Every structure is written in structure tokens, then in C-alpha cells.
Protein backbone atom coordinates (compact mmCIF):
# COMPACT_ATOMS: atom_id res chain seq x y z
CA MET A 1 4.96 -54.68 -36.34
CA ILE A 2 6.90 -54.03 -33.18
CA ARG A 3 9.13 -51.00 -32.61
CA VAL A 4 11.88 -51.32 -30.00
CA THR A 5 14.85 -49.26 -28.92
CA ASP A 6 18.01 -51.12 -27.97
CA LEU A 7 20.45 -50.13 -25.20
CA SER A 8 22.48 -47.90 -27.54
CA GLY A 9 19.35 -45.90 -28.46
CA SER A 10 18.96 -47.35 -31.97
CA GLU A 11 15.43 -48.04 -33.12
CA TRP A 12 14.54 -51.45 -34.57
CA ILE A 13 11.37 -52.53 -36.36
CA VAL A 14 10.44 -56.21 -36.05
CA ALA A 15 7.73 -57.54 -38.38
CA ARG A 16 6.80 -60.43 -40.64
CA GLU A 17 6.27 -60.51 -44.39
CA TRP A 18 2.80 -61.52 -45.48
CA PHE A 19 3.26 -61.66 -49.23
CA GLY A 20 5.79 -60.87 -51.88
CA LEU A 21 3.60 -58.64 -54.05
CA PRO A 22 3.94 -59.05 -57.82
CA ARG A 23 4.28 -56.08 -60.12
CA TRP A 24 1.13 -55.72 -62.13
CA SER A 25 1.29 -54.32 -65.62
CA ARG A 26 -1.72 -52.55 -66.97
CA ARG A 27 -2.45 -52.38 -70.66
CA LYS A 28 -3.76 -49.01 -71.75
CA ALA A 29 -6.93 -49.23 -73.81
CA SER A 30 -6.82 -47.29 -77.04
CA LEU A 31 -9.46 -45.87 -79.37
CA GLU A 32 -8.67 -48.63 -81.88
CA ASP A 33 -9.71 -51.29 -79.32
CA GLY A 34 -13.13 -49.63 -79.01
CA LEU A 35 -13.53 -49.37 -82.78
CA ASP A 36 -12.63 -53.04 -83.21
CA SER A 37 -15.45 -54.02 -80.86
CA LEU A 38 -17.91 -51.79 -82.78
CA GLN A 39 -17.05 -53.62 -86.00
CA ALA A 40 -18.51 -56.78 -84.49
CA LEU A 41 -22.07 -55.38 -84.68
CA PRO A 42 -24.37 -57.30 -87.05
CA ASP A 43 -25.11 -56.10 -90.57
CA PHE A 44 -28.71 -54.94 -91.13
CA GLY A 45 -28.44 -54.98 -94.95
CA GLY A 46 -31.72 -54.29 -96.79
CA PHE A 47 -33.44 -53.05 -93.61
CA VAL A 48 -33.16 -49.35 -94.36
CA ASP A 49 -35.83 -48.69 -97.06
CA ASP A 50 -37.89 -45.77 -95.75
CA LEU A 51 -37.76 -43.02 -93.11
CA SER A 52 -39.32 -45.10 -90.31
CA SER A 53 -36.71 -47.80 -90.86
CA VAL A 54 -33.97 -45.17 -90.57
CA VAL A 55 -35.43 -43.92 -87.28
CA VAL A 56 -35.66 -47.50 -85.96
CA ALA A 57 -32.09 -48.22 -87.06
CA ILE A 58 -30.75 -45.04 -85.43
CA THR A 59 -32.71 -45.74 -82.24
CA LEU A 60 -31.43 -49.31 -82.18
CA ALA A 61 -27.86 -48.11 -82.74
CA VAL A 62 -28.15 -45.53 -79.93
CA VAL A 63 -29.61 -48.13 -77.56
CA LEU A 64 -26.86 -50.60 -78.41
CA ILE A 65 -24.18 -47.96 -77.90
CA VAL A 66 -25.68 -46.86 -74.57
CA VAL A 67 -25.91 -50.47 -73.38
CA PHE A 68 -22.36 -51.16 -74.54
CA VAL A 69 -21.01 -48.04 -72.82
CA ALA A 70 -22.97 -48.78 -69.64
CA LEU A 71 -21.58 -52.30 -69.54
CA TRP A 72 -18.09 -51.09 -70.32
CA ILE A 73 -18.10 -48.28 -67.75
CA LEU A 74 -20.21 -49.69 -64.92
CA VAL A 75 -20.58 -53.45 -64.94
CA LEU A 76 -17.17 -54.68 -66.09
CA PRO A 77 -15.12 -52.62 -63.61
CA LEU A 78 -17.46 -53.73 -60.84
CA ALA A 79 -17.02 -57.36 -61.87
CA PHE A 80 -13.24 -56.94 -61.99
CA LEU A 81 -13.29 -55.24 -58.57
CA LEU A 82 -15.32 -58.08 -57.07
CA ALA A 83 -13.04 -60.66 -58.69
CA GLY A 84 -10.00 -58.84 -57.30
CA ILE A 85 -11.49 -58.73 -53.80
CA LEU A 86 -12.35 -62.43 -54.01
CA ALA A 87 -8.82 -63.26 -55.19
CA ALA A 88 -7.32 -61.22 -52.33
CA VAL A 89 -9.52 -62.95 -49.73
CA LEU A 90 -8.67 -66.37 -51.15
CA ALA A 91 -4.95 -65.53 -51.23
CA LEU A 92 -5.06 -64.29 -47.63
CA GLY A 93 -6.90 -67.44 -46.52
CA ALA A 94 -4.41 -69.64 -48.36
CA ARG A 95 -1.51 -67.77 -46.75
CA LEU A 96 -2.97 -68.12 -43.26
CA LEU A 97 -3.76 -71.82 -43.70
CA SER A 98 -0.57 -72.77 -45.50
CA LEU A 99 2.26 -74.51 -43.74
CA SER A 100 4.94 -72.55 -45.52
CA ALA A 101 7.48 -70.57 -43.54
CA TRP A 102 6.96 -66.92 -42.69
CA THR A 103 9.79 -64.43 -42.92
CA VAL A 104 10.33 -62.47 -39.72
CA PHE A 105 12.64 -59.51 -40.13
CA ALA A 106 14.22 -56.87 -37.92
CA THR A 107 15.32 -53.64 -39.56
CA GLY A 108 17.70 -51.36 -37.71
CA PRO A 109 20.81 -49.25 -38.14
CA GLU A 110 22.91 -52.32 -38.98
CA GLY A 111 20.63 -53.41 -41.80
CA THR A 112 17.91 -56.05 -41.99
CA LEU A 113 18.11 -59.41 -40.24
CA ARG A 114 15.80 -62.22 -41.44
CA TRP A 115 14.55 -65.50 -40.00
CA ARG A 116 12.34 -68.20 -41.55
CA VAL A 117 9.65 -69.36 -39.10
CA ARG A 118 7.09 -72.09 -39.75
CA GLY A 119 3.54 -71.24 -38.62
CA ILE A 120 1.75 -67.99 -37.88
CA LEU A 121 1.70 -68.46 -34.09
CA ARG A 122 5.40 -69.33 -33.96
CA SER A 123 6.18 -66.30 -36.10
CA ARG A 124 4.29 -64.08 -33.65
CA ARG A 125 6.24 -65.56 -30.72
CA ALA A 126 9.47 -65.15 -32.69
CA MET A 127 8.69 -61.47 -33.33
CA HIS A 128 8.23 -60.85 -29.60
CA ASP A 129 11.33 -62.89 -28.73
CA ILE A 130 13.45 -60.98 -31.27
CA ALA A 131 12.09 -57.62 -30.06
CA SER A 132 12.83 -58.57 -26.44
CA ARG A 133 16.38 -59.63 -27.28
CA LEU A 134 17.01 -56.44 -29.24
CA GLU A 135 15.66 -54.36 -26.37
CA HIS A 136 18.13 -56.04 -24.00
CA GLY A 137 21.09 -55.35 -26.27
CA GLU A 138 21.37 -58.74 -27.97
CA VAL A 139 21.40 -59.30 -31.71
CA PRO A 140 19.68 -62.67 -32.27
CA LEU A 141 21.53 -65.18 -34.41
CA VAL A 142 20.67 -64.77 -38.06
CA GLY A 143 19.73 -67.96 -39.83
CA ALA A 144 18.72 -69.68 -36.62
CA THR A 145 15.30 -71.27 -36.58
CA ALA A 146 13.25 -68.59 -34.90
CA GLY A 147 10.45 -70.75 -33.60
CA VAL A 148 10.07 -71.03 -29.89
CA SER A 149 13.64 -70.11 -29.05
CA LEU A 150 16.25 -68.30 -31.11
CA GLY A 151 19.21 -69.65 -29.21
CA GLY A 152 21.95 -67.46 -27.81
CA GLY A 153 22.29 -63.93 -29.00
CA VAL A 154 25.33 -61.79 -29.54
CA LYS A 155 25.91 -59.12 -26.88
CA ARG A 156 26.84 -55.69 -28.13
């Protein structure tokens, strides 16, 4: 991001868009979802005949609940976090290596001007070229290919 001030004293911000971020929707977990997963426990029919069997069954149930809660609270969020980080790194790598056009934009008092530039190095040069032109009082042509040269600007 480059901040420049043109000859009239207006401030412009020149930058490039990396991604158009999607809106993520999150589903709220309810108590019923937890109860549904508890119903999937196996049936120990005929196992509970005396007091020692009851103690074993209660101990087994407590251990299963503790393991389930530990997995639910600790391991799954960690796995989702690692998967999210991996997805972000892969998306960033794909964006850097892709040949798709970058959007360079300049935001100022007259609104936002946008250019499509192919390649990350060309987009960096275009950002500096646009900032230089704005600093010298020119408004670069919108819609022009902003690669190496933006063409003639419009004097204010």
C-alpha cells in the first residue's frame, strides 16, 4: 500500500487486491446435536447384573464421555485450525503463482480507480507508476492496461 498526496493536497491510497474474501457462515451447535451423538453409543444389554458390573459400566461411561469431550474440545478445533492454515497457505501460493490479473486500485477524494494488471511484478510497478502520476497531479487513465506503462494521464 502506498500513500501519496497530490498537488491539490488530496491524499490517495494505491494498493492491490489479493483476494476477494468469501463470507463464511457458521452453524451454531445446539444441545440436540450433542445428544444425537450420545445416542450412537453401543447398547450393553445384559451386562449390568451385579454391583461390580454397575461400577464398571459407570466407569466406562465416564471414560467415554471424557474422551468424547476431550476430542470435541481439544483435538477437533486444533485439526480444523491446522486445516484452515493449510488452506490459507495453499490459496496464497496459488494466488502468487497464478497468471490471473491483479486489481490495482487508487482510492482518493474522487472515488476509487481500478486497473487490471497481469503478474505480481507488473502490478508492483503499476502501483509505483500510479502513485508517481498521482503525486505529480495526473489522474492515470482508468481501464488502461497498467503494466509497464499506463499511457498518458489527465492533468488536473
